[in-house]
């Protein structure tokens, strides 16, 4: 069966629902640059955004239970929010905890169709928990998937200083 994912702020115990932005719930149905759902979450972690500086998780409904609980983060974070979609997209995804960043302009194209270049979005894949347990999950072999789960992740327009560039080269 398919595994469904929410974008979650761990601190606020709230999530964003991909169907509200006309995207699928499975990880690989919405994990590409330029779609409305990913842009909405980018807005939350951008300067002035509601989740700026929060720990972020792409919580799967098949992920492990939280410590001292029978429920996982997907279930616990039942407060849904529907943020606005920003008009501008920022370039650098930054992990404040690991001191790493991803340059979104360097992500490889995995498919080109009708004047559209498809690229995987690093935010959902780097922060996901539960990948590999359901249909629609990322199936490539990578140690990057989930590497930033529960870290403070932001997005910004300027290149970070004193941080290590993480090469995000995943393709589907």
C-alpha atoms as a PDB file:
ATOM      1  CA  UNK A   1       0.000   0.000   0.000  1.00  0.00           C
ATOM      2  CA  UNK A   2       1.033   3.585  -0.445  1.00  0.00           C
ATOM      3  CA  UNK A   3       2.561   5.608   2.344  1.00  0.00           C
ATOM      4  CA  UNK A   4       1.262   9.122   2.841  1.00  0.00           C
ATOM      5  CA  UNK A   5       3.388  12.035   4.005  1.00  0.00           C
ATOM      6  CA  UNK A   6       2.834  15.366   5.737  1.00  0.00           C
ATOM      7  CA  UNK A   7       5.288  18.243   5.993  1.00  0.00           C
ATOM      8  CA  UNK A   8       5.531  18.783   9.759  1.00  0.00           C
ATOM      9  CA  UNK A   9       6.845  21.369  12.206  1.00  0.00           C
ATOM     10  CA  UNK A  10       7.956  19.292  15.189  1.00  0.00           C
ATOM     11  CA  UNK A  11       7.738  22.236  17.617  1.00  0.00           C
ATOM     12  CA  UNK A  12       4.335  23.471  16.538  1.00  0.00           C
ATOM     13  CA  UNK A  13       2.867  19.965  16.047  1.00  0.00           C
ATOM     14  CA  UNK A  14       1.227  21.131  12.822  1.00  0.00           C
ATOM     15  CA  UNK A  15       1.337  19.875   9.261  1.00  0.00           C
ATOM     16  CA  UNK A  16       0.689  20.883   5.670  1.00  0.00           C
ATOM     17  CA  UNK A  17      -1.489  18.586   3.561  1.00  0.00           C
ATOM     18  CA  UNK A  18      -0.420  18.147  -0.056  1.00  0.00           C
ATOM     19  CA  UNK A  19      -3.973  17.603  -1.367  1.00  0.00           C
ATOM     20  CA  UNK A  20      -4.730  21.225  -0.426  1.00  0.00           C
ATOM     21  CA  UNK A  21      -2.297  22.162  -3.209  1.00  0.00           C
ATOM     22  CA  UNK A  22      -3.458  19.622  -5.801  1.00  0.00           C
ATOM     23  CA  UNK A  23      -0.525  17.266  -5.181  1.00  0.00           C
ATOM     24  CA  UNK A  24      -0.481  13.606  -4.201  1.00  0.00           C
ATOM     25  CA  UNK A  25       0.205  12.375  -0.670  1.00  0.00           C
ATOM     26  CA  UNK A  26       2.896   9.842  -1.613  1.00  0.00           C
ATOM     27  CA  UNK A  27       6.462  11.113  -1.320  1.00  0.00           C
ATOM     28  CA  UNK A  28       7.318  10.902  -5.000  1.00  0.00           C
ATOM     29  CA  UNK A  29       3.997  12.421  -6.065  1.00  0.00           C
ATOM     30  CA  UNK A  30       4.974  15.806  -4.633  1.00  0.00           C
ATOM     31  CA  UNK A  31       8.775  15.826  -4.222  1.00  0.00           C
ATOM     32  CA  UNK A  32       9.724  17.955  -7.187  1.00  0.00           C
ATOM     33  CA  UNK A  33      10.793  21.559  -7.511  1.00  0.00           C
ATOM     34  CA  UNK A  34       8.172  24.043  -8.627  1.00  0.00           C
ATOM     35  CA  UNK A  35       4.933  22.471  -7.441  1.00  0.00           C
ATOM     36  CA  UNK A  36       2.501  24.443  -5.291  1.00  0.00           C
ATOM     37  CA  UNK A  37       2.810  22.222  -2.203  1.00  0.00           C
ATOM     38  CA  UNK A  38       6.602  22.423  -2.047  1.00  0.00           C
ATOM     39  CA  UNK A  39       6.463  26.185  -2.661  1.00  0.00           C
ATOM     40  CA  UNK A  40       3.994  26.594   0.223  1.00  0.00           C
ATOM     41  CA  UNK A  41       6.332  24.746   2.602  1.00  0.00           C
ATOM     42  CA  UNK A  42       9.274  26.793   1.312  1.00  0.00           C
ATOM     43  CA  UNK A  43       7.299  29.899   2.284  1.00  0.00           C
ATOM     44  CA  UNK A  44       6.910  28.571   5.820  1.00  0.00           C
ATOM     45  CA  UNK A  45      10.685  28.185   6.266  1.00  0.00           C
ATOM     46  CA  UNK A  46      11.683  31.382   4.464  1.00  0.00           C
ATOM     47  CA  UNK A  47      12.481  34.711   6.155  1.00  0.00           C
ATOM     48  CA  UNK A  48       9.424  35.728   8.174  1.00  0.00           C
ATOM     49  CA  UNK A  49       7.786  32.317   7.672  1.00  0.00           C
ATOM     50  CA  UNK A  50       5.750  30.638  10.416  1.00  0.00           C
ATOM     51  CA  UNK A  51       8.104  27.625  10.620  1.00  0.00           C
ATOM     52  CA  UNK A  52      11.392  29.535  10.226  1.00  0.00           C
ATOM     53  CA  UNK A  53      13.912  27.867  12.549  1.00  0.00           C
ATOM     54  CA  UNK A  54      11.625  24.950  13.454  1.00  0.00           C
ATOM     55  CA  UNK A  55      12.663  21.311  13.252  1.00  0.00           C
ATOM     56  CA  UNK A  56      11.159  19.892  10.063  1.00  0.00           C
ATOM     57  CA  UNK A  57      10.087  16.337   9.200  1.00  0.00           C
ATOM     58  CA  UNK A  58       8.398  14.871   6.165  1.00  0.00           C
ATOM     59  CA  UNK A  59       6.425  12.434   8.308  1.00  0.00           C
ATOM     60  CA  UNK A  60       5.239   9.186   6.743  1.00  0.00           C
ATOM     61  CA  UNK A  61       2.247   7.359   8.148  1.00  0.00           C
ATOM     62  CA  UNK A  62       4.334   4.135   8.258  1.00  0.00           C
ATOM     63  CA  UNK A  63       7.215   5.774  10.191  1.00  0.00           C
ATOM     64  CA  UNK A  64       8.265   4.537  13.632  1.00  0.00           C
ATOM     65  CA  UNK A  65       6.340   5.593  16.727  1.00  0.00           C
ATOM     66  CA  UNK A  66       7.619   8.516  18.766  1.00  0.00           C
ATOM     67  CA  UNK A  67       9.539   7.702  21.967  1.00  0.00           C
ATOM     68  CA  UNK A  68       7.166   6.835  24.829  1.00  0.00           C
ATOM     69  CA  UNK A  69       4.194   6.772  22.458  1.00  0.00           C
ATOM     70  CA  UNK A  70       2.210   4.317  20.393  1.00  0.00           C
ATOM     71  CA  UNK A  71       1.817   6.944  17.656  1.00  0.00           C
ATOM     72  CA  UNK A  72       4.152   8.381  15.053  1.00  0.00           C
ATOM     73  CA  UNK A  73       4.668  12.031  14.169  1.00  0.00           C
ATOM     74  CA  UNK A  74       2.268  11.767  11.198  1.00  0.00           C
ATOM     75  CA  UNK A  75      -0.537  10.898  13.619  1.00  0.00           C
ATOM     76  CA  UNK A  76       0.445  13.192  16.498  1.00  0.00           C
ATOM     77  CA  UNK A  77       0.666  16.363  14.386  1.00  0.00           C
ATOM     78  CA  UNK A  78      -3.035  16.621  13.647  1.00  0.00           C
ATOM     79  CA  UNK A  79      -3.267  20.431  13.377  1.00  0.00           C
ATOM     80  CA  UNK A  80      -3.433  21.218   9.667  1.00  0.00           C
ATOM     81  CA  UNK A  81      -2.465  24.613   8.284  1.00  0.00           C
ATOM     82  CA  UNK A  82      -2.837  25.880   4.721  1.00  0.00           C
ATOM     83  CA  UNK A  83      -0.133  28.483   4.075  1.00  0.00           C
ATOM     84  CA  UNK A  84      -0.018  30.921   1.196  1.00  0.00           C
ATOM     85  CA  UNK A  85       2.183  30.146  -1.786  1.00  0.00           C
ATOM     86  CA  UNK A  86       5.034  32.655  -2.132  1.00  0.00           C
ATOM     87  CA  UNK A  87       5.582  34.272  -5.504  1.00  0.00           C
ATOM     88  CA  UNK A  88       9.370  33.964  -5.321  1.00  0.00           C
ATOM     89  CA  UNK A  89      11.450  30.856  -4.798  1.00  0.00           C
ATOM     90  CA  UNK A  90      14.669  31.117  -2.818  1.00  0.00           C
ATOM     91  CA  UNK A  91      17.854  29.374  -3.947  1.00  0.00           C
ATOM     92  CA  UNK A  92      19.604  27.934  -0.887  1.00  0.00           C
ATOM     93  CA  UNK A  93      18.185  25.299   1.439  1.00  0.00           C
ATOM     94  CA  UNK A  94      20.149  25.550   4.708  1.00  0.00           C
ATOM     95  CA  UNK A  95      20.415  23.156   7.646  1.00  0.00           C
ATOM     96  CA  UNK A  96      21.138  25.294  10.707  1.00  0.00           C
ATOM     97  CA  UNK A  97      22.055  22.263  12.827  1.00  0.00           C
ATOM     98  CA  UNK A  98      24.519  20.437  10.560  1.00  0.00           C
ATOM     99  CA  UNK A  99      25.818  23.677   8.992  1.00  0.00           C
ATOM    100  CA  UNK A 100      25.167  22.370   5.457  1.00  0.00           C
ATOM    101  CA  UNK A 101      23.337  23.819   2.475  1.00  0.00           C
ATOM    102  CA  UNK A 102      21.980  22.746  -0.897  1.00  0.00           C
ATOM    103  CA  UNK A 103      22.136  25.013  -3.936  1.00  0.00           C
ATOM    104  CA  UNK A 104      18.773  24.408  -5.621  1.00  0.00           C
ATOM    105  CA  UNK A 105      20.171  25.575  -8.978  1.00  0.00           C
ATOM    106  CA  UNK A 106      22.611  22.632  -9.017  1.00  0.00           C
ATOM    107  CA  UNK A 107      20.030  19.858  -8.683  1.00  0.00           C
ATOM    108  CA  UNK A 108      20.115  17.609 -11.762  1.00  0.00           C
ATOM    109  CA  UNK A 109      17.225  17.298 -14.186  1.00  0.00           C
ATOM    110  CA  UNK A 110      15.807  13.769 -14.267  1.00  0.00           C
ATOM    111  CA  UNK A 111      13.238  14.297 -17.010  1.00  0.00           C
ATOM    112  CA  UNK A 112      12.277  16.962 -19.528  1.00  0.00           C
ATOM    113  CA  UNK A 113       8.700  17.186 -20.816  1.00  0.00           C
ATOM    114  CA  UNK A 114       6.841  19.952 -22.658  1.00  0.00           C
ATOM    115  CA  UNK A 115       9.235  22.767 -21.720  1.00  0.00           C
ATOM    116  CA  UNK A 116       9.450  21.573 -18.092  1.00  0.00           C
ATOM    117  CA  UNK A 117      12.599  20.281 -16.439  1.00  0.00           C
ATOM    118  CA  UNK A 118      11.778  17.907 -13.592  1.00  0.00           C
ATOM    119  CA  UNK A 119      14.067  18.028 -10.548  1.00  0.00           C
ATOM    120  CA  UNK A 120      13.637  16.316  -7.191  1.00  0.00           C
ATOM    121  CA  UNK A 121      13.109  18.674  -4.275  1.00  0.00           C
ATOM    122  CA  UNK A 122      15.728  18.150  -1.570  1.00  0.00           C
ATOM    123  CA  UNK A 123      13.557  19.368   1.328  1.00  0.00           C
ATOM    124  CA  UNK A 124      11.102  16.473   1.347  1.00  0.00           C
ATOM    125  CA  UNK A 125      13.725  13.800   0.718  1.00  0.00           C
ATOM    126  CA  UNK A 126      16.336  15.107   3.163  1.00  0.00           C
ATOM    127  CA  UNK A 127      13.794  15.443   5.989  1.00  0.00           C
ATOM    128  CA  UNK A 128      11.599  12.373   5.483  1.00  0.00           C
ATOM    129  CA  UNK A 129      10.992   9.617   8.007  1.00  0.00           C
ATOM    130  CA  UNK A 130       9.566   6.259   7.001  1.00  0.00           C
ATOM    131  CA  UNK A 131      10.857   6.169   3.412  1.00  0.00           C
ATOM    132  CA  UNK A 132      11.027   2.702   1.871  1.00  0.00           C
ATOM    133  CA  UNK A 133       8.011   1.323   3.737  1.00  0.00           C
ATOM    134  CA  UNK A 134       5.280   1.986   1.191  1.00  0.00           C
ATOM    135  CA  UNK A 135       4.370   2.470  -2.421  1.00  0.00           C
ATOM    136  CA  UNK A 136       5.293   5.841  -3.860  1.00  0.00           C
ATOM    137  CA  UNK A 137       8.419   6.196  -1.702  1.00  0.00           C
ATOM    138  CA  UNK A 138      11.842   7.121  -3.081  1.00  0.00           C
ATOM    139  CA  UNK A 139      13.419   3.888  -4.333  1.00  0.00           C
ATOM    140  CA  UNK A 140      16.939   5.014  -5.130  1.00  0.00           C
ATOM    141  CA  UNK A 141      19.877   4.037  -2.966  1.00  0.00           C
ATOM    142  CA  UNK A 142      20.966   7.072  -1.016  1.00  0.00           C
ATOM    143  CA  UNK A 143      22.251   7.970   2.410  1.00  0.00           C
ATOM    144  CA  UNK A 144      20.856  11.463   1.855  1.00  0.00           C
ATOM    145  CA  UNK A 145      17.222  10.428   2.363  1.00  0.00           C
ATOM    146  CA  UNK A 146      16.222  11.394   5.907  1.00  0.00           C
ATOM    147  CA  UNK A 147      19.655  12.872   6.690  1.00  0.00           C
ATOM    148  CA  UNK A 148      18.137  16.202   7.812  1.00  0.00           C
ATOM    149  CA  UNK A 149      15.012  14.849   9.562  1.00  0.00           C
ATOM    150  CA  UNK A 150      14.253  16.777  12.774  1.00  0.00           C
ATOM    151  CA  UNK A 151      16.811  19.464  11.967  1.00  0.00           C
ATOM    152  CA  UNK A 152      16.194  23.198  11.712  1.00  0.00           C
ATOM    153  CA  UNK A 153      15.982  23.857   7.974  1.00  0.00           C
ATOM    154  CA  UNK A 154      15.450  27.251   6.328  1.00  0.00           C
ATOM    155  CA  UNK A 155      15.499  28.589   2.785  1.00  0.00           C
ATOM    156  CA  UNK A 156      17.169  31.822   1.735  1.00  0.00           C
ATOM    157  CA  UNK A 157      18.231  33.784  -1.326  1.00  0.00           C
ATOM    158  CA  UNK A 158      21.861  34.429  -0.343  1.00  0.00           C
ATOM    159  CA  UNK A 159      24.621  31.850  -0.334  1.00  0.00           C
ATOM    160  CA  UNK A 160      25.384  30.781   3.246  1.00  0.00           C
ATOM    161  CA  UNK A 161      28.817  31.512   4.692  1.00  0.00           C
ATOM    162  CA  UNK A 162      30.738  29.111   6.930  1.00  0.00           C
ATOM    163  CA  UNK A 163      28.605  26.173   5.834  1.00  0.00           C
ATOM    164  CA  UNK A 164      29.449  23.072   3.801  1.00  0.00           C
ATOM    165  CA  UNK A 165      27.701  22.536   0.475  1.00  0.00           C
ATOM    166  CA  UNK A 166      25.840  19.236   0.338  1.00  0.00           C
ATOM    167  CA  UNK A 167      25.615  17.897  -3.196  1.00  0.00           C
ATOM    168  CA  UNK A 168      22.051  16.737  -3.735  1.00  0.00           C
ATOM    169  CA  UNK A 169      22.277  14.662  -6.911  1.00  0.00           C
ATOM    170  CA  UNK A 170      19.334  12.281  -6.523  1.00  0.00           C
ATOM    171  CA  UNK A 171      17.220  11.395  -9.537  1.00  0.00           C
ATOM    172  CA  UNK A 172      14.164   9.176  -9.780  1.00  0.00           C
END
